[in-house]
Structures are given as structure tokens and as C-alpha cells.
Amino acid sequence: IVTLDGQPSAHFEHDVAIVDGKPEILSTFAYVYEALGITS
């Protein structure tokens, strides 16, 4: 799937559960950040 005008597109995704009524992230970007030297 591509943009109709040929301009760039970005996509980020997490898996999230509702635990005790609140969002709980099950996935993480921490491994990516460790590899890239990013602190977050």
C-alpha cells in the first residue's frame, strides 16, 4: 500500500492490554533503542 501522492509515510505499532483498567504495553521499543543508542 503506497501513498497516492508519493510522499513518505510512517508507521509505529504496539501491543497493549487493559490491566486494572489502564493500558499496559506488552511490546517495547527498548531493544531498538538499545541498538541505536537512544534514551527514552
All heavy atoms as atom14 arrays in JSON, in Angstrom:
{
  "sequence": "IVTLDGQPSAHFEHDVAIVDGKPEILSTFAYVYEALGITS",
  "atom14_mask": [
    [1, 1, 1, 1, 1, 1, 1, 1, 0, 0, 0, 0, 0, 0],
    [1, 1, 1, 1, 1, 1, 1, 0, 0, 0, 0, 0, 0, 0],
    [1, 1, 1, 1, 1, 1, 1, 0, 0, 0, 0, 0, 0, 0],
    [1, 1, 1, 1, 1, 1, 1, 1, 0, 0, 0, 0, 0, 0],
    [1, 1, 1, 1, 1, 1, 1, 1, 0, 0, 0, 0, 0, 0],
    [1, 1, 1, 1, 0, 0, 0, 0, 0, 0, 0, 0, 0, 0],
    [1, 1, 1, 1, 1, 1, 1, 1, 1, 0, 0, 0, 0, 0],
    [1, 1, 1, 1, 1, 1, 1, 0, 0, 0, 0, 0, 0, 0],
    [1, 1, 1, 1, 1, 1, 0, 0, 0, 0, 0, 0, 0, 0],
    [1, 1, 1, 1, 1, 0, 0, 0, 0, 0, 0, 0, 0, 0],
    [1, 1, 1, 1, 1, 1, 1, 1, 1, 1, 0, 0, 0, 0],
    [1, 1, 1, 1, 1, 1, 1, 1, 1, 1, 1, 0, 0, 0],
    [1, 1, 1, 1, 1, 1, 1, 1, 1, 0, 0, 0, 0, 0],
    [1, 1, 1, 1, 1, 1, 1, 1, 1, 1, 0, 0, 0, 0],
    [1, 1, 1, 1, 1, 1, 1, 1, 0, 0, 0, 0, 0, 0],
    [1, 1, 1, 1, 1, 1, 1, 0, 0, 0, 0, 0, 0, 0],
    [1, 1, 1, 1, 1, 0, 0, 0, 0, 0, 0, 0, 0, 0],
    [1, 1, 1, 1, 1, 1, 1, 1, 0, 0, 0, 0, 0, 0],
    [1, 1, 1, 1, 1, 1, 1, 0, 0, 0, 0, 0, 0, 0],
    [1, 1, 1, 1, 1, 1, 1, 1, 0, 0, 0, 0, 0, 0],
    [1, 1, 1, 1, 0, 0, 0, 0, 0, 0, 0, 0, 0, 0],
    [1, 1, 1, 1, 1, 1, 1, 1, 1, 0, 0, 0, 0, 0],
    [1, 1, 1, 1, 1, 1, 1, 0, 0, 0, 0, 0, 0, 0],
    [1, 1, 1, 1, 1, 1, 1, 1, 1, 0, 0, 0, 0, 0],
    [1, 1, 1, 1, 1, 1, 1, 1, 0, 0, 0, 0, 0, 0],
    [1, 1, 1, 1, 1, 1, 1, 1, 0, 0, 0, 0, 0, 0],
    [1, 1, 1, 1, 1, 1, 0, 0, 0, 0, 0, 0, 0, 0],
    [1, 1, 1, 1, 1, 1, 1, 0, 0, 0, 0, 0, 0, 0],
    [1, 1, 1, 1, 1, 1, 1, 1, 1, 1, 1, 0, 0, 0],
    [1, 1, 1, 1, 1, 0, 0, 0, 0, 0, 0, 0, 0, 0],
    [1, 1, 1, 1, 1, 1, 1, 1, 1, 1, 1, 1, 0, 0],
    [1, 1, 1, 1, 1, 1, 1, 0, 0, 0, 0, 0, 0, 0],
    [1, 1, 1, 1, 1, 1, 1, 1, 1, 1, 1, 1, 0, 0],
    [1, 1, 1, 1, 1, 1, 1, 1, 1, 0, 0, 0, 0, 0],
    [1, 1, 1, 1, 1, 0, 0, 0, 0, 0, 0, 0, 0, 0],
    [1, 1, 1, 1, 1, 1, 1, 1, 0, 0, 0, 0, 0, 0],
    [1, 1, 1, 1, 0, 0, 0, 0, 0, 0, 0, 0, 0, 0],
    [1, 1, 1, 1, 1, 1, 1, 1, 0, 0, 0, 0, 0, 0],
    [1, 1, 1, 1, 1, 1, 1, 0, 0, 0, 0, 0, 0, 0],
    [1, 1, 1, 1, 1, 1, 0, 0, 0, 0, 0, 0, 0, 0]
  ],
  "atom14_positions": [
    [[0.86, -1.18, 0.0], [0.0, 0.0, 0.0], [0.89, 1.23, 0.0], [1.79, 1.35, 0.85], [-0.91, 0.03, 1.25], [-1.73, -1.27, 1.36], [-1.82, 1.25, 1.23], [-2.75, -1.47, 0.27], [0.0, 0.0, 0.0], [0.0, 0.0, 0.0], [0.0, 0.0, 0.0], [0.0, 0.0, 0.0], [0.0, 0.0, 0.0], [0.0, 0.0, 0.0]],
    [[0.68, 2.15, -0.95], [1.51, 3.35, -1.05], [0.64, 4.6, -0.98], [-0.57, 4.55, -1.23], [2.33, 3.37, -2.36], [3.27, 2.17, -2.43], [1.42, 3.42, -3.58], [0.0, 0.0, 0.0], [0.0, 0.0, 0.0], [0.0, 0.0, 0.0], [0.0, 0.0, 0.0], [0.0, 0.0, 0.0], [0.0, 0.0, 0.0], [0.0, 0.0, 0.0]],
    [[1.26, 5.72, -0.65], [0.54, 6.99, -0.63], [0.19, 7.38, -2.06], [0.96, 7.14, -2.99], [1.38, 8.1, 0.02], [2.6, 8.26, -0.72], [1.72, 7.75, 1.46], [0.0, 0.0, 0.0], [0.0, 0.0, 0.0], [0.0, 0.0, 0.0], [0.0, 0.0, 0.0], [0.0, 0.0, 0.0], [0.0, 0.0, 0.0], [0.0, 0.0, 0.0]],
    [[-0.97, 7.99, -2.24], [-1.43, 8.36, -3.57], [-0.55, 9.44, -4.19], [-0.38, 9.48, -5.41], [-2.89, 8.84, -3.5], [-3.66, 8.9, -4.82], [-3.73, 7.53, -5.48], [-5.07, 9.44, -4.59], [0.0, 0.0, 0.0], [0.0, 0.0, 0.0], [0.0, 0.0, 0.0], [0.0, 0.0, 0.0], [0.0, 0.0, 0.0], [0.0, 0.0, 0.0]],
    [[0.02, 10.31, -3.35], [0.83, 11.42, -3.88], [2.33, 11.13, -3.87], [3.14, 11.98, -4.22], [0.54, 12.72, -3.13], [0.81, 12.62, -1.63], [1.37, 11.59, -1.19], [0.45, 13.56, -0.9], [0.0, 0.0, 0.0], [0.0, 0.0, 0.0], [0.0, 0.0, 0.0], [0.0, 0.0, 0.0], [0.0, 0.0, 0.0], [0.0, 0.0, 0.0]],
    [[2.72, 9.93, -3.45], [4.12, 9.55, -3.48], [4.96, 10.12, -2.36], [6.19, 9.94, -2.33], [0.0, 0.0, 0.0], [0.0, 0.0, 0.0], [0.0, 0.0, 0.0], [0.0, 0.0, 0.0], [0.0, 0.0, 0.0], [0.0, 0.0, 0.0], [0.0, 0.0, 0.0], [0.0, 0.0, 0.0], [0.0, 0.0, 0.0], [0.0, 0.0, 0.0]],
    [[4.33, 10.8, -1.39], [5.1, 11.34, -0.26], [5.29, 10.26, 0.81], [4.56, 9.28, 0.86], [4.37, 12.56, 0.31], [4.33, 13.74, -0.64], [4.12, 15.05, 0.1], [4.93, 15.48, 0.91], [3.0, 15.7, -0.2], [0.0, 0.0, 0.0], [0.0, 0.0, 0.0], [0.0, 0.0, 0.0], [0.0, 0.0, 0.0], [0.0, 0.0, 0.0]],
    [[6.27, 10.46, 1.71], [6.58, 9.43, 2.7], [5.45, 9.16, 3.68], [4.58, 10.01, 3.92], [7.79, 10.02, 3.44], [8.36, 11.04, 2.53], [7.2, 11.6, 1.77], [0.0, 0.0, 0.0], [0.0, 0.0, 0.0], [0.0, 0.0, 0.0], [0.0, 0.0, 0.0], [0.0, 0.0, 0.0], [0.0, 0.0, 0.0], [0.0, 0.0, 0.0]],
    [[5.51, 7.95, 4.26], [4.54, 7.54, 5.28], [5.29, 6.88, 6.42], [6.31, 6.22, 6.22], [3.53, 6.55, 4.68], [2.56, 6.17, 5.64], [0.0, 0.0, 0.0], [0.0, 0.0, 0.0], [0.0, 0.0, 0.0], [0.0, 0.0, 0.0], [0.0, 0.0, 0.0], [0.0, 0.0, 0.0], [0.0, 0.0, 0.0], [0.0, 0.0, 0.0]],
    [[4.78, 7.06, 7.65], [5.39, 6.46, 8.84], [4.4, 5.54, 9.53], [3.18, 5.73, 9.44], [5.87, 7.54, 9.8], [0.0, 0.0, 0.0], [0.0, 0.0, 0.0], [0.0, 0.0, 0.0], [0.0, 0.0, 0.0], [0.0, 0.0, 0.0], [0.0, 0.0, 0.0], [0.0, 0.0, 0.0], [0.0, 0.0, 0.0], [0.0, 0.0, 0.0]],
    [[4.92, 4.55, 10.25], [4.08, 3.52, 10.87], [4.79, 2.99, 12.12], [5.93, 2.55, 12.06], [3.88, 2.38, 9.85], [3.19, 1.17, 10.38], [3.6, -0.11, 10.06], [2.11, 1.02, 11.19], [2.81, -0.99, 10.64], [1.91, -0.32, 11.34], [0.0, 0.0, 0.0], [0.0, 0.0, 0.0], [0.0, 0.0, 0.0], [0.0, 0.0, 0.0]],
    [[4.11, 3.11, 13.26], [4.6, 2.55, 14.52], [3.47, 1.76, 15.17], [2.31, 2.18, 15.09], [5.08, 3.65, 15.47], [6.32, 4.36, 15.0], [6.24, 5.47, 14.17], [7.57, 3.93, 15.39], [7.37, 6.13, 13.74], [8.73, 4.58, 14.97], [8.62, 5.69, 14.14], [0.0, 0.0, 0.0], [0.0, 0.0, 0.0], [0.0, 0.0, 0.0]],
    [[3.82, 0.66, 15.85], [2.77, -0.21, 16.4], [3.21, -0.83, 17.72], [4.35, -1.29, 17.86], [2.45, -1.31, 15.4], [1.42, -2.33, 15.86], [1.15, -3.4, 14.81], [1.99, -3.55, 13.88], [0.12, -4.08, 14.9], [0.0, 0.0, 0.0], [0.0, 0.0, 0.0], [0.0, 0.0, 0.0], [0.0, 0.0, 0.0], [0.0, 0.0, 0.0]],
    [[2.28, -0.85, 18.68], [2.48, -1.54, 19.95], [1.29, -2.47, 20.23], [0.16, -2.21, 19.79], [2.55, -0.55, 21.11], [3.93, -0.06, 21.44], [5.01, -0.9, 21.6], [4.4, 1.2, 21.67], [6.08, -0.18, 21.92], [5.74, 1.09, 21.96], [0.0, 0.0, 0.0], [0.0, 0.0, 0.0], [0.0, 0.0, 0.0], [0.0, 0.0, 0.0]],
    [[1.57, -3.54, 20.98], [0.53, -4.41, 21.52], [0.23, -3.94, 22.94], [1.16, -3.8, 23.75], [0.99, -5.87, 21.56], [1.38, -6.39, 20.18], [0.92, -5.81, 19.18], [2.14, -7.38, 20.12], [0.0, 0.0, 0.0], [0.0, 0.0, 0.0], [0.0, 0.0, 0.0], [0.0, 0.0, 0.0], [0.0, 0.0, 0.0], [0.0, 0.0, 0.0]],
    [[-1.04, -3.72, 23.24], [-1.42, -3.11, 24.51], [-2.61, -3.86, 25.11], [-3.59, -4.14, 24.41], [-1.8, -1.62, 24.34], [-1.87, -0.94, 25.7], [-0.82, -0.9, 23.43], [0.0, 0.0, 0.0], [0.0, 0.0, 0.0], [0.0, 0.0, 0.0], [0.0, 0.0, 0.0], [0.0, 0.0, 0.0], [0.0, 0.0, 0.0], [0.0, 0.0, 0.0]],
    [[-2.54, -4.15, 26.4], [-3.64, -4.79, 27.14], [-4.25, -3.79, 28.12], [-3.61, -2.8, 28.51], [-3.12, -6.0, 27.91], [0.0, 0.0, 0.0], [0.0, 0.0, 0.0], [0.0, 0.0, 0.0], [0.0, 0.0, 0.0], [0.0, 0.0, 0.0], [0.0, 0.0, 0.0], [0.0, 0.0, 0.0], [0.0, 0.0, 0.0], [0.0, 0.0, 0.0]],
    [[-5.48, -4.04, 28.49], [-6.09, -3.26, 29.58], [-5.99, -4.1, 30.84], [-6.59, -5.17, 30.95], [-7.55, -2.89, 29.28], [-7.63, -2.01, 28.03], [-8.17, -2.17, 30.48], [-9.03, -1.56, 27.66], [0.0, 0.0, 0.0], [0.0, 0.0, 0.0], [0.0, 0.0, 0.0], [0.0, 0.0, 0.0], [0.0, 0.0, 0.0], [0.0, 0.0, 0.0]],
    [[-5.18, -3.61, 31.79], [-4.93, -4.31, 33.06], [-5.24, -3.35, 34.2], [-4.73, -2.22, 34.23], [-3.46, -4.79, 33.14], [-3.19, -5.44, 34.48], [-3.14, -5.75, 32.0], [0.0, 0.0, 0.0], [0.0, 0.0, 0.0], [0.0, 0.0, 0.0], [0.0, 0.0, 0.0], [0.0, 0.0, 0.0], [0.0, 0.0, 0.0], [0.0, 0.0, 0.0]],
    [[-6.1, -3.76, 35.11], [-6.54, -2.88, 36.2], [-7.11, -1.58, 35.66], [-6.9, -0.49, 36.22], [-5.39, -2.59, 37.18], [-4.95, -3.83, 37.95], [-5.8, -4.74, 38.13], [-3.78, -3.9, 38.35], [0.0, 0.0, 0.0], [0.0, 0.0, 0.0], [0.0, 0.0, 0.0], [0.0, 0.0, 0.0], [0.0, 0.0, 0.0], [0.0, 0.0, 0.0]],
    [[-7.79, -1.71, 34.54], [-8.5, -0.58, 33.95], [-7.65, 0.36, 33.12], [-8.18, 1.29, 32.51], [0.0, 0.0, 0.0], [0.0, 0.0, 0.0], [0.0, 0.0, 0.0], [0.0, 0.0, 0.0], [0.0, 0.0, 0.0], [0.0, 0.0, 0.0], [0.0, 0.0, 0.0], [0.0, 0.0, 0.0], [0.0, 0.0, 0.0], [0.0, 0.0, 0.0]],
    [[-6.31, 0.1, 33.06], [-5.39, 1.03, 32.4], [-4.6, 0.31, 31.3], [-4.48, -0.91, 31.32], [-4.41, 1.61, 33.43], [-5.06, 2.39, 34.57], [-4.02, 2.86, 35.58], [-3.35, 1.68, 36.27], [-2.42, 2.12, 37.36], [0.0, 0.0, 0.0], [0.0, 0.0, 0.0], [0.0, 0.0, 0.0], [0.0, 0.0, 0.0], [0.0, 0.0, 0.0]],
    [[-4.0, 1.1, 30.38], [-3.21, 0.48, 29.32], [-1.88, -0.06, 29.84], [-1.18, 0.6, 30.6], [-2.98, 1.62, 28.33], [-3.11, 2.87, 29.14], [-4.12, 2.57, 30.21], [0.0, 0.0, 0.0], [0.0, 0.0, 0.0], [0.0, 0.0, 0.0], [0.0, 0.0, 0.0], [0.0, 0.0, 0.0], [0.0, 0.0, 0.0], [0.0, 0.0, 0.0]],
    [[-1.57, -1.27, 29.43], [-0.3, -1.92, 29.77], [0.36, -2.36, 28.46], [-0.16, -3.25, 27.76], [-0.55, -3.13, 30.68], [0.63, -4.03, 30.91], [1.61, -3.52, 31.98], [1.31, -2.5, 32.63], [2.65, -4.16, 32.17], [0.0, 0.0, 0.0], [0.0, 0.0, 0.0], [0.0, 0.0, 0.0], [0.0, 0.0, 0.0], [0.0, 0.0, 0.0]],
    [[1.48, -1.74, 28.11], [2.18, -2.09, 26.88], [2.85, -3.46, 27.04], [3.59, -3.68, 28.0], [3.23, -1.03, 26.51], [2.55, 0.28, 26.11], [4.11, -1.51, 25.36], [3.51, 1.36, 25.66], [0.0, 0.0, 0.0], [0.0, 0.0, 0.0], [0.0, 0.0, 0.0], [0.0, 0.0, 0.0], [0.0, 0.0, 0.0], [0.0, 0.0, 0.0]],
    [[2.59, -4.35, 26.1], [3.2, -5.68, 26.14], [4.47, -5.75, 25.3], [5.37, -6.52, 25.6], [2.19, -6.72, 25.63], [0.83, -6.75, 26.34], [-0.05, -7.86, 25.76], [1.0, -6.91, 27.85], [0.0, 0.0, 0.0], [0.0, 0.0, 0.0], [0.0, 0.0, 0.0], [0.0, 0.0, 0.0], [0.0, 0.0, 0.0], [0.0, 0.0, 0.0]],
    [[4.53, -4.95, 24.25], [5.72, -4.87, 23.39], [6.59, -3.72, 23.89], [6.23, -3.02, 24.82], [5.29, -4.65, 21.94], [4.37, -3.57, 21.83], [0.0, 0.0, 0.0], [0.0, 0.0, 0.0], [0.0, 0.0, 0.0], [0.0, 0.0, 0.0], [0.0, 0.0, 0.0], [0.0, 0.0, 0.0], [0.0, 0.0, 0.0], [0.0, 0.0, 0.0]],
    [[7.75, -3.55, 23.26], [8.63, -2.44, 23.66], [9.55, -2.05, 22.51], [9.94, -2.91, 21.7], [9.48, -2.81, 24.89], [10.26, -1.67, 25.27], [10.41, -3.98, 24.61], [0.0, 0.0, 0.0], [0.0, 0.0, 0.0], [0.0, 0.0, 0.0], [0.0, 0.0, 0.0], [0.0, 0.0, 0.0], [0.0, 0.0, 0.0], [0.0, 0.0, 0.0]],
    [[9.9, -0.78, 22.46], [10.94, -0.31, 21.54], [12.31, -0.29, 22.22], [13.29, 0.16, 21.63], [10.61, 1.1, 21.04], [9.4, 1.18, 20.15], [8.58, 2.3, 20.18], [9.08, 0.15, 19.27], [7.47, 2.4, 19.36], [7.96, 0.23, 18.44], [7.16, 1.36, 18.48], [0.0, 0.0, 0.0], [0.0, 0.0, 0.0], [0.0, 0.0, 0.0]],
    [[12.39, -0.78, 23.45], [13.63, -0.68, 24.22], [14.8, -1.39, 23.53], [15.94, -0.92, 23.6], [13.43, -1.24, 25.62], [0.0, 0.0, 0.0], [0.0, 0.0, 0.0], [0.0, 0.0, 0.0], [0.0, 0.0, 0.0], [0.0, 0.0, 0.0], [0.0, 0.0, 0.0], [0.0, 0.0, 0.0], [0.0, 0.0, 0.0], [0.0, 0.0, 0.0]],
    [[14.54, -2.53, 22.88], [15.62, -3.26, 22.2], [16.12, -2.48, 20.98], [17.32, -2.47, 20.69], [15.14, -4.65, 21.79], [14.78, -5.53, 22.97], [13.45, -5.7, 23.35], [15.77, -6.17, 23.71], [13.1, -6.49, 24.44], [15.44, -6.97, 24.8], [14.1, -7.12, 25.16], [13.77, -7.89, 26.25], [0.0, 0.0, 0.0], [0.0, 0.0, 0.0]],
    [[15.19, -1.83, 20.29], [15.57, -0.96, 19.17], [16.43, 0.2, 19.69], [17.49, 0.51, 19.13], [14.33, -0.42, 18.44], [14.71, 0.67, 17.44], [13.59, -1.55, 17.74], [0.0, 0.0, 0.0], [0.0, 0.0, 0.0], [0.0, 0.0, 0.0], [0.0, 0.0, 0.0], [0.0, 0.0, 0.0], [0.0, 0.0, 0.0], [0.0, 0.0, 0.0]],
    [[15.95, 0.82, 20.77], [16.67, 1.98, 21.31], [18.05, 1.6, 21.82], [19.01, 2.36, 21.68], [15.84, 2.63, 22.42], [14.57, 3.28, 21.95], [13.55, 3.59, 22.84], [14.37, 3.59, 20.61], [12.38, 4.2, 22.42], [13.21, 4.2, 20.18], [12.21, 4.49, 21.09], [11.06, 5.09, 20.66], [0.0, 0.0, 0.0], [0.0, 0.0, 0.0]],
    [[18.15, 0.43, 22.43], [19.46, -0.03, 22.9], [20.43, -0.17, 21.73], [21.6, 0.24, 21.8], [19.31, -1.36, 23.63], [20.6, -1.88, 24.24], [20.41, -3.19, 24.97], [19.7, -4.07, 24.45], [20.99, -3.34, 26.06], [0.0, 0.0, 0.0], [0.0, 0.0, 0.0], [0.0, 0.0, 0.0], [0.0, 0.0, 0.0], [0.0, 0.0, 0.0]],
    [[19.94, -0.72, 20.62], [20.78, -0.91, 19.45], [21.18, 0.42, 18.81], [22.29, 0.55, 18.29], [20.05, -1.78, 18.42], [0.0, 0.0, 0.0], [0.0, 0.0, 0.0], [0.0, 0.0, 0.0], [0.0, 0.0, 0.0], [0.0, 0.0, 0.0], [0.0, 0.0, 0.0], [0.0, 0.0, 0.0], [0.0, 0.0, 0.0], [0.0, 0.0, 0.0]],
    [[20.29, 1.4, 18.87], [20.53, 2.68, 18.21], [21.12, 3.74, 19.14], [21.39, 4.86, 18.71], [19.21, 3.2, 17.61], [18.56, 2.32, 16.53], [17.27, 2.96, 16.05], [19.51, 2.07, 15.37], [0.0, 0.0, 0.0], [0.0, 0.0, 0.0], [0.0, 0.0, 0.0], [0.0, 0.0, 0.0], [0.0, 0.0, 0.0], [0.0, 0.0, 0.0]],
    [[21.29, 3.39, 20.42], [21.85, 4.34, 21.36], [20.89, 5.46, 21.73], [21.33, 6.58, 22.02], [0.0, 0.0, 0.0], [0.0, 0.0, 0.0], [0.0, 0.0, 0.0], [0.0, 0.0, 0.0], [0.0, 0.0, 0.0], [0.0, 0.0, 0.0], [0.0, 0.0, 0.0], [0.0, 0.0, 0.0], [0.0, 0.0, 0.0], [0.0, 0.0, 0.0]],
    [[19.6, 5.17, 21.75], [18.57, 6.16, 22.08], [18.13, 5.97, 23.53], [17.91, 4.84, 23.99], [17.35, 6.01, 21.15], [17.75, 6.31, 19.7], [16.2, 6.91, 21.59], [16.68, 5.99, 18.68], [0.0, 0.0, 0.0], [0.0, 0.0, 0.0], [0.0, 0.0, 0.0], [0.0, 0.0, 0.0], [0.0, 0.0, 0.0], [0.0, 0.0, 0.0]],
    [[18.0, 7.06, 24.26], [17.48, 7.03, 25.63], [16.05, 7.56, 25.61], [15.78, 8.61, 25.04], [18.33, 7.91, 26.56], [19.67, 7.43, 26.55], [17.79, 7.85, 28.0], [0.0, 0.0, 0.0], [0.0, 0.0, 0.0], [0.0, 0.0, 0.0], [0.0, 0.0, 0.0], [0.0, 0.0, 0.0], [0.0, 0.0, 0.0], [0.0, 0.0, 0.0]],
    [[15.13, 6.82, 26.23], [13.72, 7.22, 26.21], [13.0, 6.67, 27.43], [13.29, 5.56, 27.89], [13.04, 6.7, 24.94], [11.65, 6.93, 25.0], [0.0, 0.0, 0.0], [0.0, 0.0, 0.0], [0.0, 0.0, 0.0], [0.0, 0.0, 0.0], [0.0, 0.0, 0.0], [0.0, 0.0, 0.0], [0.0, 0.0, 0.0], [0.0, 0.0, 0.0]]
  ]
}
